[in-house]
N, C-alpha and C. Protein backbone atom coordinates (compact mmCIF):
# COMPACT_ATOMS: atom_id res chain seq x y z
N MET A 1 0.84 -1.19 0.00
CA MET A 1 0.00 0.00 0.00
C MET A 1 0.88 1.25 0.00
N GLN A 2 0.43 2.28 -0.67
CA GLN A 2 1.16 3.53 -0.75
C GLN A 2 0.44 4.63 0.03
N TYR A 3 1.21 5.42 0.78
CA TYR A 3 0.67 6.48 1.61
C TYR A 3 1.30 7.82 1.26
N TRP A 4 0.47 8.87 1.29
CA TRP A 4 0.95 10.23 1.41
C TRP A 4 0.59 10.69 2.81
N ILE A 5 1.55 11.19 3.56
CA ILE A 5 1.29 11.69 4.90
C ILE A 5 1.66 13.16 4.96
N MET A 6 0.70 13.98 5.34
CA MET A 6 0.92 15.42 5.46
C MET A 6 1.30 15.74 6.90
N GLY A 7 2.51 16.25 7.09
CA GLY A 7 2.97 16.59 8.43
C GLY A 7 3.84 15.50 9.02
N ALA A 8 4.87 15.93 9.75
CA ALA A 8 5.81 14.98 10.35
C ALA A 8 5.97 15.25 11.84
N GLY A 9 4.87 15.61 12.49
CA GLY A 9 4.88 15.75 13.94
C GLY A 9 4.83 14.38 14.59
N GLY A 10 4.44 14.34 15.87
CA GLY A 10 4.47 13.07 16.59
C GLY A 10 3.64 11.98 15.95
N ILE A 11 2.39 12.29 15.58
CA ILE A 11 1.53 11.27 14.98
C ILE A 11 1.93 10.99 13.54
N GLY A 12 2.32 12.02 12.80
CA GLY A 12 2.76 11.81 11.42
C GLY A 12 3.96 10.89 11.34
N ARG A 13 4.93 11.13 12.21
CA ARG A 13 6.12 10.26 12.25
C ARG A 13 5.75 8.84 12.63
N ALA A 14 4.89 8.70 13.64
CA ALA A 14 4.50 7.37 14.11
C ALA A 14 3.75 6.60 13.02
N LEU A 15 2.88 7.30 12.29
CA LEU A 15 2.18 6.64 11.19
C LEU A 15 3.16 6.19 10.11
N ALA A 16 4.11 7.05 9.77
CA ALA A 16 5.09 6.69 8.75
C ALA A 16 5.90 5.48 9.18
N GLU A 17 6.32 5.45 10.43
CA GLU A 17 7.10 4.32 10.94
C GLU A 17 6.28 3.04 10.97
N ALA A 18 5.00 3.15 11.37
CA ALA A 18 4.15 1.96 11.41
C ALA A 18 3.90 1.42 10.01
N CYS A 19 3.69 2.30 9.06
CA CYS A 19 3.42 1.87 7.69
C CYS A 19 4.64 1.22 7.05
N THR A 20 5.80 1.82 7.22
CA THR A 20 7.01 1.23 6.63
C THR A 20 7.34 -0.10 7.29
N ALA A 21 7.04 -0.23 8.58
CA ALA A 21 7.32 -1.49 9.29
C ALA A 21 6.50 -2.64 8.72
N GLN A 22 5.32 -2.33 8.16
CA GLN A 22 4.50 -3.39 7.59
C GLN A 22 4.66 -3.48 6.07
N GLY A 23 5.69 -2.81 5.55
CA GLY A 23 6.04 -2.96 4.14
C GLY A 23 5.40 -1.98 3.20
N ASP A 24 4.70 -0.96 3.73
CA ASP A 24 4.08 0.03 2.87
C ASP A 24 5.08 1.09 2.43
N LYS A 25 4.76 1.78 1.33
CA LYS A 25 5.58 2.88 0.85
C LYS A 25 4.98 4.19 1.35
N VAL A 26 5.84 5.07 1.84
CA VAL A 26 5.36 6.31 2.46
C VAL A 26 6.10 7.51 1.86
N LEU A 27 5.31 8.53 1.51
CA LEU A 27 5.85 9.82 1.08
C LEU A 27 5.31 10.87 2.05
N ILE A 28 6.22 11.56 2.74
CA ILE A 28 5.83 12.58 3.71
C ILE A 28 6.00 13.97 3.10
N PHE A 29 4.99 14.82 3.30
CA PHE A 29 5.05 16.22 2.91
C PHE A 29 5.14 17.04 4.21
N SER A 30 6.26 17.67 4.42
CA SER A 30 6.46 18.47 5.64
C SER A 30 7.56 19.48 5.41
N ARG A 31 7.62 20.47 6.27
CA ARG A 31 8.65 21.51 6.13
C ARG A 31 10.02 21.02 6.58
N ILE A 32 10.03 20.11 7.57
CA ILE A 32 11.28 19.61 8.13
C ILE A 32 11.45 18.14 7.81
N ASP A 33 12.65 17.75 7.42
CA ASP A 33 12.95 16.36 7.09
C ASP A 33 12.77 15.49 8.34
N PRO A 34 11.86 14.50 8.30
CA PRO A 34 11.67 13.63 9.46
C PRO A 34 12.79 12.63 9.65
N ALA A 35 13.61 12.44 8.60
CA ALA A 35 14.77 11.53 8.68
C ALA A 35 14.37 10.15 9.18
N ILE A 36 13.37 9.57 8.51
CA ILE A 36 12.91 8.22 8.85
C ILE A 36 13.39 7.27 7.77
N SER A 37 14.09 6.24 8.17
CA SER A 37 14.63 5.27 7.22
C SER A 37 13.52 4.65 6.39
N GLY A 38 13.71 4.63 5.08
CA GLY A 38 12.76 4.02 4.18
C GLY A 38 11.59 4.89 3.79
N VAL A 39 11.56 6.14 4.29
CA VAL A 39 10.46 7.06 3.99
C VAL A 39 10.96 8.16 3.07
N GLU A 40 10.22 8.40 1.99
CA GLU A 40 10.56 9.49 1.07
C GLU A 40 9.98 10.79 1.62
N TRP A 41 10.73 11.88 1.47
CA TRP A 41 10.31 13.17 2.02
C TRP A 41 10.38 14.25 0.97
N LEU A 42 9.36 15.11 0.96
CA LEU A 42 9.38 16.31 0.13
C LEU A 42 9.15 17.52 1.01
N ALA A 43 9.99 18.54 0.86
CA ALA A 43 9.88 19.76 1.66
C ALA A 43 8.70 20.58 1.15
N VAL A 44 7.64 20.63 1.94
CA VAL A 44 6.41 21.32 1.53
C VAL A 44 5.78 21.99 2.75
N ASP A 45 5.30 23.21 2.56
CA ASP A 45 4.43 23.85 3.53
C ASP A 45 3.01 23.44 3.15
N ASN A 46 2.38 22.59 3.98
CA ASN A 46 1.08 22.03 3.61
C ASN A 46 -0.05 23.05 3.61
N THR A 47 0.21 24.26 4.10
CA THR A 47 -0.80 25.31 4.03
C THR A 47 -0.71 26.10 2.73
N ASP A 48 0.30 25.81 1.91
CA ASP A 48 0.54 26.49 0.64
C ASP A 48 0.05 25.59 -0.49
N GLN A 49 -1.12 25.86 -1.02
CA GLN A 49 -1.70 24.97 -2.01
C GLN A 49 -0.86 24.88 -3.28
N ALA A 50 -0.27 25.98 -3.71
CA ALA A 50 0.54 25.95 -4.92
C ALA A 50 1.76 25.04 -4.73
N ALA A 51 2.40 25.13 -3.57
CA ALA A 51 3.54 24.28 -3.28
C ALA A 51 3.12 22.82 -3.18
N LEU A 52 1.97 22.59 -2.59
CA LEU A 52 1.46 21.23 -2.45
C LEU A 52 1.12 20.64 -3.82
N ALA A 53 0.55 21.45 -4.69
CA ALA A 53 0.22 20.99 -6.05
C ALA A 53 1.49 20.63 -6.81
N GLU A 54 2.51 21.45 -6.69
CA GLU A 54 3.78 21.17 -7.38
C GLU A 54 4.42 19.88 -6.85
N ALA A 55 4.35 19.69 -5.54
CA ALA A 55 4.98 18.51 -4.93
C ALA A 55 4.28 17.22 -5.32
N THR A 56 2.96 17.27 -5.48
CA THR A 56 2.21 16.04 -5.76
C THR A 56 2.07 15.74 -7.24
N ALA A 57 2.33 16.70 -8.10
CA ALA A 57 1.99 16.59 -9.52
C ALA A 57 2.62 15.39 -10.20
N GLU A 58 3.86 15.08 -9.86
CA GLU A 58 4.59 14.03 -10.57
C GLU A 58 4.48 12.67 -9.89
N HIS A 59 3.65 12.56 -8.89
CA HIS A 59 3.50 11.30 -8.16
C HIS A 59 2.15 10.67 -8.45
N VAL A 60 2.16 9.37 -8.66
CA VAL A 60 0.93 8.62 -8.86
C VAL A 60 0.11 8.69 -7.57
N LEU A 61 -1.20 8.81 -7.71
CA LEU A 61 -2.05 8.87 -6.53
C LEU A 61 -1.85 7.62 -5.67
N PRO A 62 -1.79 7.80 -4.36
CA PRO A 62 -1.56 6.66 -3.47
C PRO A 62 -2.88 5.96 -3.12
N ASP A 63 -2.77 4.97 -2.25
CA ASP A 63 -3.97 4.30 -1.74
C ASP A 63 -4.60 5.09 -0.61
N ARG A 64 -3.75 5.74 0.20
CA ARG A 64 -4.24 6.51 1.34
C ARG A 64 -3.48 7.81 1.47
N VAL A 65 -4.21 8.85 1.81
CA VAL A 65 -3.64 10.15 2.17
C VAL A 65 -4.10 10.45 3.60
N ILE A 66 -3.16 10.81 4.46
CA ILE A 66 -3.51 11.14 5.83
C ILE A 66 -2.94 12.52 6.17
N ASN A 67 -3.83 13.44 6.52
CA ASN A 67 -3.40 14.76 6.95
C ASN A 67 -3.31 14.77 8.47
N THR A 68 -2.10 14.91 8.99
CA THR A 68 -1.89 14.87 10.45
C THR A 68 -1.70 16.26 11.04
N LEU A 69 -1.87 17.31 10.25
CA LEU A 69 -1.64 18.66 10.75
C LEU A 69 -2.66 19.04 11.81
N GLY A 70 -2.21 19.75 12.82
CA GLY A 70 -3.10 20.27 13.84
C GLY A 70 -2.35 21.22 14.75
N MET A 71 -3.02 22.31 15.16
CA MET A 71 -2.39 23.30 16.01
C MET A 71 -3.39 23.78 17.06
N LEU A 72 -3.01 23.64 18.32
CA LEU A 72 -3.81 24.13 19.44
C LEU A 72 -3.17 25.36 20.07
N HIS A 73 -1.87 25.37 20.12
CA HIS A 73 -1.13 26.51 20.66
C HIS A 73 0.14 26.67 19.84
N GLN A 74 0.57 27.92 19.69
CA GLN A 74 1.75 28.22 18.85
C GLN A 74 2.32 29.56 19.27
N GLY A 75 3.52 29.55 19.87
CA GLY A 75 4.12 30.80 20.30
C GLY A 75 3.24 31.51 21.32
N GLU A 76 2.85 32.74 21.00
CA GLU A 76 1.99 33.51 21.89
C GLU A 76 0.53 33.09 21.80
N GLN A 77 0.18 32.33 20.78
CA GLN A 77 -1.21 31.93 20.62
C GLN A 77 -1.53 30.76 21.54
N GLN A 78 -2.51 30.96 22.41
CA GLN A 78 -2.95 29.94 23.35
C GLN A 78 -4.47 29.77 23.25
N PRO A 79 -5.01 28.62 23.65
CA PRO A 79 -6.47 28.44 23.61
C PRO A 79 -7.19 29.48 24.46
N GLU A 80 -8.25 30.04 23.92
CA GLU A 80 -8.97 31.09 24.62
C GLU A 80 -9.89 30.49 25.69
N LYS A 81 -9.85 31.07 26.88
CA LYS A 81 -10.76 30.65 27.94
C LYS A 81 -12.04 31.49 27.94
N ARG A 82 -11.92 32.71 27.42
CA ARG A 82 -13.05 33.62 27.34
C ARG A 82 -13.12 34.22 25.94
N ILE A 83 -14.30 34.62 25.52
CA ILE A 83 -14.47 35.19 24.18
C ILE A 83 -13.71 36.50 24.05
N GLU A 84 -13.50 37.20 25.17
CA GLU A 84 -12.73 38.45 25.10
C GLU A 84 -11.30 38.21 24.63
N GLN A 85 -10.81 37.00 24.75
CA GLN A 85 -9.44 36.68 24.35
C GLN A 85 -9.33 36.34 22.87
N LEU A 86 -10.46 36.23 22.19
CA LEU A 86 -10.46 35.86 20.78
C LEU A 86 -9.81 36.96 19.95
N ASP A 87 -8.90 36.56 19.07
CA ASP A 87 -8.13 37.49 18.25
C ASP A 87 -8.22 37.06 16.80
N LEU A 88 -8.46 38.00 15.90
CA LEU A 88 -8.66 37.66 14.49
C LEU A 88 -7.44 36.98 13.88
N ALA A 89 -6.26 37.48 14.17
CA ALA A 89 -5.06 36.89 13.59
C ALA A 89 -4.88 35.44 14.07
N ALA A 90 -5.11 35.21 15.36
CA ALA A 90 -4.99 33.86 15.90
C ALA A 90 -6.07 32.94 15.32
N PHE A 91 -7.28 33.48 15.20
CA PHE A 91 -8.38 32.71 14.62
C PHE A 91 -8.05 32.29 13.18
N ASN A 92 -7.57 33.24 12.39
CA ASN A 92 -7.21 32.94 11.00
C ASN A 92 -6.07 31.94 10.93
N ASN A 93 -5.13 32.02 11.86
CA ASN A 93 -4.02 31.08 11.89
C ASN A 93 -4.52 29.66 12.18
N SER A 94 -5.48 29.54 13.09
CA SER A 94 -6.06 28.23 13.38
C SER A 94 -6.76 27.65 12.15
N MET A 95 -7.50 28.48 11.45
CA MET A 95 -8.18 28.02 10.24
C MET A 95 -7.18 27.63 9.16
N ARG A 96 -6.10 28.39 9.06
CA ARG A 96 -5.07 28.12 8.04
C ARG A 96 -4.41 26.76 8.27
N ILE A 97 -4.18 26.41 9.51
CA ILE A 97 -3.47 25.17 9.81
C ILE A 97 -4.43 23.99 10.00
N ASN A 98 -5.54 24.21 10.70
CA ASN A 98 -6.42 23.11 11.07
C ASN A 98 -7.47 22.76 10.02
N THR A 99 -7.80 23.71 9.16
CA THR A 99 -8.90 23.49 8.21
C THR A 99 -8.44 23.49 6.76
N TRP A 100 -7.69 24.51 6.37
CA TRP A 100 -7.38 24.71 4.96
C TRP A 100 -6.60 23.57 4.30
N PRO A 101 -5.57 22.97 4.90
CA PRO A 101 -4.81 21.94 4.19
C PRO A 101 -5.65 20.76 3.72
N THR A 102 -6.67 20.38 4.47
CA THR A 102 -7.54 19.28 4.03
C THR A 102 -8.32 19.68 2.79
N LEU A 103 -8.82 20.91 2.77
CA LEU A 103 -9.53 21.39 1.59
C LEU A 103 -8.59 21.50 0.39
N ALA A 104 -7.39 21.99 0.63
CA ALA A 104 -6.42 22.13 -0.46
C ALA A 104 -6.08 20.77 -1.06
N MET A 105 -5.83 19.77 -0.21
CA MET A 105 -5.52 18.44 -0.72
C MET A 105 -6.74 17.82 -1.40
N ALA A 106 -7.93 18.04 -0.86
CA ALA A 106 -9.14 17.51 -1.48
C ALA A 106 -9.33 18.07 -2.88
N GLN A 107 -9.01 19.34 -3.06
CA GLN A 107 -9.09 19.94 -4.40
C GLN A 107 -8.12 19.26 -5.35
N LEU A 108 -6.89 19.06 -4.89
CA LEU A 108 -5.87 18.46 -5.75
C LEU A 108 -6.24 17.02 -6.10
N LEU A 109 -6.74 16.29 -5.13
CA LEU A 109 -7.14 14.91 -5.40
C LEU A 109 -8.33 14.86 -6.35
N SER A 110 -9.30 15.75 -6.15
CA SER A 110 -10.50 15.75 -6.98
C SER A 110 -10.18 16.01 -8.45
N ALA A 111 -9.14 16.77 -8.70
CA ALA A 111 -8.74 17.05 -10.07
C ALA A 111 -8.15 15.83 -10.76
N ARG A 112 -7.77 14.81 -9.97
CA ARG A 112 -7.10 13.64 -10.55
C ARG A 112 -7.87 12.34 -10.36
N LEU A 113 -8.81 12.31 -9.45
CA LEU A 113 -9.56 11.08 -9.18
C LEU A 113 -10.46 10.71 -10.35
N THR A 114 -10.72 9.42 -10.49
CA THR A 114 -11.70 8.90 -11.43
C THR A 114 -12.71 8.07 -10.64
N ARG A 115 -13.77 7.67 -11.29
CA ARG A 115 -14.80 6.89 -10.61
C ARG A 115 -14.28 5.52 -10.13
N SER A 116 -13.19 5.08 -10.71
CA SER A 116 -12.68 3.75 -10.35
C SER A 116 -11.64 3.78 -9.22
N HIS A 117 -11.19 4.96 -8.82
CA HIS A 117 -10.20 5.05 -7.76
C HIS A 117 -10.80 4.60 -6.42
N THR A 118 -9.98 3.91 -5.62
CA THR A 118 -10.42 3.46 -4.29
C THR A 118 -9.63 4.15 -3.18
N LEU A 119 -9.22 5.36 -3.41
CA LEU A 119 -8.40 6.11 -2.45
C LEU A 119 -9.16 6.44 -1.17
N GLN A 120 -8.44 6.38 -0.03
CA GLN A 120 -8.94 6.86 1.26
C GLN A 120 -8.17 8.12 1.65
N PHE A 121 -8.91 9.16 2.04
CA PHE A 121 -8.31 10.40 2.52
C PHE A 121 -8.82 10.62 3.93
N ALA A 122 -7.90 10.68 4.89
CA ALA A 122 -8.27 10.89 6.29
C ALA A 122 -7.56 12.13 6.81
N ALA A 123 -8.29 12.91 7.61
CA ALA A 123 -7.70 14.09 8.25
C ALA A 123 -7.90 13.97 9.75
N LEU A 124 -6.86 14.27 10.52
CA LEU A 124 -6.99 14.23 11.97
C LEU A 124 -7.82 15.41 12.44
N SER A 125 -8.92 15.10 13.07
CA SER A 125 -9.80 16.12 13.63
C SER A 125 -9.74 16.01 15.16
N ALA A 126 -10.80 16.41 15.84
CA ALA A 126 -10.80 16.38 17.30
C ALA A 126 -12.24 16.31 17.80
N ARG A 127 -12.44 15.63 18.91
CA ARG A 127 -13.77 15.53 19.49
C ARG A 127 -14.29 16.92 19.89
N VAL A 128 -13.38 17.82 20.26
CA VAL A 128 -13.84 19.16 20.67
C VAL A 128 -14.40 19.95 19.50
N GLY A 129 -14.23 19.45 18.28
CA GLY A 129 -14.84 20.09 17.11
C GLY A 129 -16.29 19.68 16.91
N SER A 130 -16.78 18.74 17.73
CA SER A 130 -18.17 18.32 17.64
C SER A 130 -19.06 19.35 18.33
N ILE A 131 -20.00 19.93 17.62
CA ILE A 131 -20.90 20.93 18.20
C ILE A 131 -21.79 20.28 19.26
N SER A 132 -22.31 19.08 18.96
CA SER A 132 -23.22 18.42 19.90
C SER A 132 -22.52 17.94 21.16
N ASP A 133 -21.18 17.79 21.10
CA ASP A 133 -20.44 17.27 22.25
C ASP A 133 -19.79 18.38 23.08
N ASN A 134 -20.02 19.63 22.69
CA ASN A 134 -19.38 20.76 23.37
C ASN A 134 -20.10 21.08 24.67
N ARG A 135 -19.50 20.68 25.79
CA ARG A 135 -20.08 20.93 27.10
C ARG A 135 -19.24 21.86 27.96
N ALA A 136 -18.00 22.09 27.56
CA ALA A 136 -17.09 22.88 28.39
C ALA A 136 -16.89 24.30 27.88
N GLY A 137 -17.16 24.55 26.60
CA GLY A 137 -16.92 25.87 26.04
C GLY A 137 -15.44 26.17 25.92
N GLY A 138 -15.12 27.44 25.64
CA GLY A 138 -13.73 27.85 25.52
C GLY A 138 -13.06 27.31 24.26
N TRP A 139 -11.77 27.60 24.16
CA TRP A 139 -10.94 27.12 23.05
C TRP A 139 -11.59 27.48 21.70
N TYR A 140 -12.01 28.75 21.57
CA TYR A 140 -12.80 29.17 20.42
C TYR A 140 -12.14 28.86 19.08
N SER A 141 -10.91 29.32 18.89
CA SER A 141 -10.27 29.17 17.58
C SER A 141 -10.09 27.70 17.22
N TYR A 142 -9.66 26.91 18.18
CA TYR A 142 -9.42 25.49 17.91
C TYR A 142 -10.73 24.77 17.64
N ARG A 143 -11.73 24.96 18.51
CA ARG A 143 -13.01 24.30 18.33
C ARG A 143 -13.63 24.66 16.98
N ILE A 144 -13.63 25.96 16.66
CA ILE A 144 -14.29 26.40 15.44
C ILE A 144 -13.56 25.89 14.21
N SER A 145 -12.22 25.90 14.23
CA SER A 145 -11.47 25.42 13.07
C SER A 145 -11.64 23.92 12.87
N LYS A 146 -11.78 23.16 13.96
CA LYS A 146 -12.01 21.73 13.84
C LYS A 146 -13.45 21.44 13.44
N ALA A 147 -14.40 22.24 13.92
CA ALA A 147 -15.78 22.08 13.46
C ALA A 147 -15.88 22.38 11.97
N ALA A 148 -15.15 23.40 11.52
CA ALA A 148 -15.12 23.72 10.09
C ALA A 148 -14.48 22.58 9.30
N LEU A 149 -13.44 21.98 9.87
CA LEU A 149 -12.83 20.83 9.22
C LEU A 149 -13.83 19.69 9.08
N ASN A 150 -14.59 19.42 10.15
CA ASN A 150 -15.58 18.36 10.08
C ASN A 150 -16.63 18.63 9.01
N MET A 151 -17.04 19.89 8.88
CA MET A 151 -17.99 20.25 7.83
C MET A 151 -17.36 20.10 6.44
N ALA A 152 -16.08 20.46 6.32
CA ALA A 152 -15.38 20.29 5.04
C ALA A 152 -15.35 18.82 4.64
N ILE A 153 -15.09 17.95 5.62
CA ILE A 153 -15.05 16.51 5.36
C ILE A 153 -16.44 16.00 4.96
N LYS A 154 -17.47 16.44 5.69
CA LYS A 154 -18.83 16.02 5.37
C LYS A 154 -19.24 16.46 3.98
N THR A 155 -18.97 17.71 3.65
CA THR A 155 -19.37 18.25 2.35
C THR A 155 -18.62 17.59 1.22
N THR A 156 -17.32 17.40 1.39
CA THR A 156 -16.52 16.73 0.37
C THR A 156 -16.97 15.28 0.21
N GLY A 157 -17.29 14.63 1.33
CA GLY A 157 -17.75 13.25 1.27
C GLY A 157 -19.01 13.09 0.44
N ILE A 158 -19.94 14.03 0.59
CA ILE A 158 -21.18 13.98 -0.19
C ILE A 158 -20.87 14.11 -1.68
N GLU A 159 -19.98 15.06 -2.01
CA GLU A 159 -19.63 15.26 -3.42
C GLU A 159 -18.91 14.04 -3.98
N TRP A 160 -17.97 13.50 -3.21
CA TRP A 160 -17.21 12.35 -3.70
C TRP A 160 -18.10 11.11 -3.90
N GLN A 161 -19.10 10.94 -3.07
CA GLN A 161 -19.99 9.78 -3.26
C GLN A 161 -20.68 9.84 -4.61
N ARG A 162 -20.91 11.05 -5.12
CA ARG A 162 -21.50 11.20 -6.45
C ARG A 162 -20.46 11.06 -7.55
N ARG A 163 -19.32 11.74 -7.38
CA ARG A 163 -18.33 11.81 -8.45
C ARG A 163 -17.34 10.66 -8.45
N PHE A 164 -16.92 10.24 -7.25
CA PHE A 164 -15.88 9.22 -7.12
C PHE A 164 -16.33 8.18 -6.10
N PRO A 165 -17.27 7.32 -6.46
CA PRO A 165 -17.89 6.41 -5.49
C PRO A 165 -16.93 5.42 -4.86
N GLY A 166 -15.77 5.21 -5.43
CA GLY A 166 -14.80 4.29 -4.84
C GLY A 166 -13.88 4.96 -3.84
N ALA A 167 -13.89 6.29 -3.82
CA ALA A 167 -13.01 7.05 -2.92
C ALA A 167 -13.79 7.48 -1.69
N MET A 168 -13.06 7.84 -0.65
CA MET A 168 -13.72 8.29 0.57
C MET A 168 -12.85 9.28 1.32
N ILE A 169 -13.50 10.12 2.13
CA ILE A 169 -12.81 11.06 3.00
C ILE A 169 -13.45 10.97 4.38
N VAL A 170 -12.63 10.90 5.42
CA VAL A 170 -13.14 10.79 6.79
C VAL A 170 -12.29 11.64 7.72
N GLY A 171 -12.87 11.95 8.88
CA GLY A 171 -12.12 12.57 9.96
C GLY A 171 -11.79 11.53 11.01
N LEU A 172 -10.64 11.65 11.61
CA LEU A 172 -10.20 10.72 12.66
C LEU A 172 -9.80 11.50 13.91
N HIS A 173 -10.38 11.12 15.03
CA HIS A 173 -10.01 11.70 16.32
C HIS A 173 -9.02 10.76 16.99
N PRO A 174 -7.75 11.17 17.16
CA PRO A 174 -6.74 10.25 17.68
C PRO A 174 -6.77 10.05 19.19
N GLY A 175 -7.64 10.78 19.90
CA GLY A 175 -7.60 10.75 21.35
C GLY A 175 -6.53 11.70 21.86
N THR A 176 -6.21 11.59 23.14
CA THR A 176 -5.16 12.42 23.71
C THR A 176 -3.83 11.70 23.56
N VAL A 177 -2.94 12.31 22.82
CA VAL A 177 -1.68 11.66 22.45
C VAL A 177 -0.52 12.48 23.01
N ALA A 178 0.52 11.81 23.43
CA ALA A 178 1.68 12.47 24.04
C ALA A 178 2.52 13.16 22.96
N THR A 179 2.03 14.31 22.49
CA THR A 179 2.73 15.11 21.50
C THR A 179 2.83 16.54 22.02
N HIS A 180 3.50 17.39 21.24
CA HIS A 180 3.63 18.80 21.61
C HIS A 180 2.27 19.45 21.77
N LEU A 181 1.29 19.06 20.94
CA LEU A 181 -0.02 19.70 20.99
C LEU A 181 -0.67 19.54 22.35
N SER A 182 -0.55 18.37 22.94
CA SER A 182 -1.26 18.10 24.21
C SER A 182 -0.42 18.39 25.45
N SER A 183 0.87 18.67 25.28
CA SER A 183 1.78 18.72 26.43
C SER A 183 1.33 19.65 27.56
N PRO A 184 0.75 20.85 27.30
CA PRO A 184 0.36 21.71 28.43
C PRO A 184 -0.98 21.33 29.06
N PHE A 185 -1.66 20.31 28.52
CA PHE A 185 -3.05 20.08 28.91
C PHE A 185 -3.31 18.64 29.39
N ARG A 186 -2.31 18.03 29.99
CA ARG A 186 -2.46 16.63 30.38
C ARG A 186 -2.77 16.43 31.85
N ALA A 187 -2.75 17.50 32.63
CA ALA A 187 -3.03 17.37 34.06
C ALA A 187 -4.44 16.84 34.28
N GLY A 188 -4.57 15.88 35.17
CA GLY A 188 -5.88 15.35 35.51
C GLY A 188 -6.38 14.26 34.60
N LEU A 189 -5.57 13.84 33.62
CA LEU A 189 -6.00 12.75 32.75
C LEU A 189 -6.09 11.46 33.55
N ALA A 190 -7.12 10.68 33.27
CA ALA A 190 -7.25 9.38 33.93
C ALA A 190 -6.14 8.45 33.46
N GLU A 191 -5.79 7.51 34.32
CA GLU A 191 -4.75 6.56 33.97
C GLU A 191 -5.14 5.79 32.71
N GLY A 192 -4.20 5.70 31.77
CA GLY A 192 -4.46 5.00 30.53
C GLY A 192 -5.08 5.84 29.44
N GLN A 193 -5.45 7.09 29.75
CA GLN A 193 -6.09 7.93 28.75
C GLN A 193 -5.10 8.52 27.76
N LEU A 194 -3.86 8.71 28.20
CA LEU A 194 -2.83 9.28 27.32
C LEU A 194 -2.18 8.17 26.50
N GLN A 195 -2.23 8.32 25.18
CA GLN A 195 -1.62 7.35 24.29
C GLN A 195 -0.26 7.83 23.80
N THR A 196 0.62 6.91 23.50
CA THR A 196 1.86 7.26 22.82
C THR A 196 1.53 7.46 21.34
N PRO A 197 2.37 8.19 20.60
CA PRO A 197 2.14 8.31 19.16
C PRO A 197 2.07 6.96 18.46
N ALA A 198 2.89 6.01 18.88
CA ALA A 198 2.88 4.68 18.25
C ALA A 198 1.54 3.98 18.49
N GLN A 199 1.00 4.10 19.70
CA GLN A 199 -0.31 3.51 19.98
C GLN A 199 -1.39 4.16 19.14
N ALA A 200 -1.35 5.49 19.08
CA ALA A 200 -2.35 6.22 18.29
C ALA A 200 -2.28 5.82 16.83
N ALA A 201 -1.08 5.72 16.29
CA ALA A 201 -0.92 5.35 14.88
C ALA A 201 -1.51 3.97 14.62
N ARG A 202 -1.24 3.03 15.50
CA ARG A 202 -1.76 1.67 15.33
C ARG A 202 -3.30 1.68 15.35
N HIS A 203 -3.88 2.42 16.29
CA HIS A 203 -5.34 2.48 16.37
C HIS A 203 -5.95 3.13 15.13
N LEU A 204 -5.34 4.23 14.66
CA LEU A 204 -5.89 4.94 13.51
C LEU A 204 -5.83 4.08 12.24
N LEU A 205 -4.76 3.34 12.07
CA LEU A 205 -4.65 2.46 10.90
C LEU A 205 -5.69 1.34 10.98
N GLN A 206 -5.95 0.85 12.17
CA GLN A 206 -6.98 -0.18 12.35
C GLN A 206 -8.35 0.36 11.98
N VAL A 207 -8.63 1.60 12.36
CA VAL A 207 -9.92 2.22 12.00
C VAL A 207 -10.03 2.32 10.49
N LEU A 208 -8.98 2.81 9.83
CA LEU A 208 -9.02 2.96 8.38
C LEU A 208 -9.23 1.61 7.69
N ASP A 209 -8.61 0.58 8.22
CA ASP A 209 -8.76 -0.75 7.62
C ASP A 209 -10.21 -1.23 7.65
N GLY A 210 -10.99 -0.76 8.61
CA GLY A 210 -12.37 -1.22 8.75
C GLY A 210 -13.42 -0.37 8.08
N LEU A 211 -13.00 0.71 7.41
CA LEU A 211 -13.97 1.62 6.81
C LEU A 211 -14.31 1.21 5.38
N ARG A 212 -15.50 1.64 4.95
CA ARG A 212 -15.99 1.37 3.60
C ARG A 212 -16.35 2.70 2.93
N PRO A 213 -16.47 2.72 1.59
CA PRO A 213 -16.79 3.98 0.91
C PRO A 213 -18.04 4.67 1.44
N GLU A 214 -19.02 3.90 1.90
CA GLU A 214 -20.24 4.52 2.42
C GLU A 214 -20.02 5.25 3.74
N ASP A 215 -18.85 5.08 4.36
CA ASP A 215 -18.51 5.82 5.57
C ASP A 215 -17.96 7.22 5.27
N SER A 216 -17.84 7.54 4.00
CA SER A 216 -17.26 8.81 3.60
C SER A 216 -18.03 9.98 4.20
N GLY A 217 -17.27 10.98 4.68
CA GLY A 217 -17.87 12.18 5.24
C GLY A 217 -18.11 12.12 6.73
N ARG A 218 -17.78 10.99 7.37
CA ARG A 218 -18.06 10.80 8.79
C ARG A 218 -16.79 11.00 9.62
N LEU A 219 -16.99 11.10 10.94
CA LEU A 219 -15.89 11.32 11.88
C LEU A 219 -15.85 10.15 12.86
N PHE A 220 -14.66 9.56 13.00
CA PHE A 220 -14.49 8.39 13.85
C PHE A 220 -13.39 8.63 14.88
N ALA A 221 -13.62 8.12 16.08
CA ALA A 221 -12.60 8.17 17.13
C ALA A 221 -11.61 7.03 16.94
N TRP A 222 -10.52 7.08 17.70
CA TRP A 222 -9.44 6.11 17.59
C TRP A 222 -9.90 4.68 17.87
N ASP A 223 -11.01 4.53 18.60
CA ASP A 223 -11.52 3.20 18.93
C ASP A 223 -12.58 2.73 17.96
N GLY A 224 -12.79 3.48 16.86
CA GLY A 224 -13.74 3.08 15.84
C GLY A 224 -15.14 3.60 16.04
N GLN A 225 -15.41 4.26 17.18
CA GLN A 225 -16.75 4.79 17.45
C GLN A 225 -16.97 6.07 16.66
N GLU A 226 -18.15 6.21 16.08
CA GLU A 226 -18.46 7.43 15.34
C GLU A 226 -18.74 8.58 16.29
N ILE A 227 -18.25 9.76 15.93
CA ILE A 227 -18.49 10.98 16.70
C ILE A 227 -19.50 11.82 15.91
N GLN A 228 -20.54 12.24 16.59
CA GLN A 228 -21.57 13.05 15.92
C GLN A 228 -21.08 14.49 15.79
N PRO A 229 -21.47 15.16 14.71
CA PRO A 229 -21.02 16.55 14.49
C PRO A 229 -21.67 17.52 15.48
């Protein structure tokens, strides 16, 4: 099986390592070389659609594309506890990183897909992007950008079911994983709730293995349970 993986953070690296360990071919698109043995790398800013188009143009479409990009905090940007803390620049930055790359890749794939392709496209989302599951409030930019991502996945899934019935797009919630994204927010986690990147990668690949084209447009947690929007 051939994979394109967007991003080389903790989960992206773990997915690449898990896939190569089982004999799959992996091409990573990221700004920094992950230096993983057996993995091909292209230097790409995944938020730059033109650069992404140039990087993918000469490569045959893979069996699976996984977008692992996600940002909860970055430099001075932190999750908002109150609406008064909401800032337009930070909000736009969250949308640029958490939402836009999936849409950009979906556009590029749609230009090349045919009705006979059986490609799977998965993007890492988050349970906090579920509107119906929002009980705590706060984290405006992150929640809204992930909710927008979930809507992008749903809308693209509807279109693909008509145009490319063999292809599918889904959102995957990896749970709480020991990466840079979660590092400031792990206090009070129940024992066993924090996963290693390797554990998360294994679970996410198992979920993908069990999905069918009719699951396109839906959001699934790491344990295979569907998350309602």
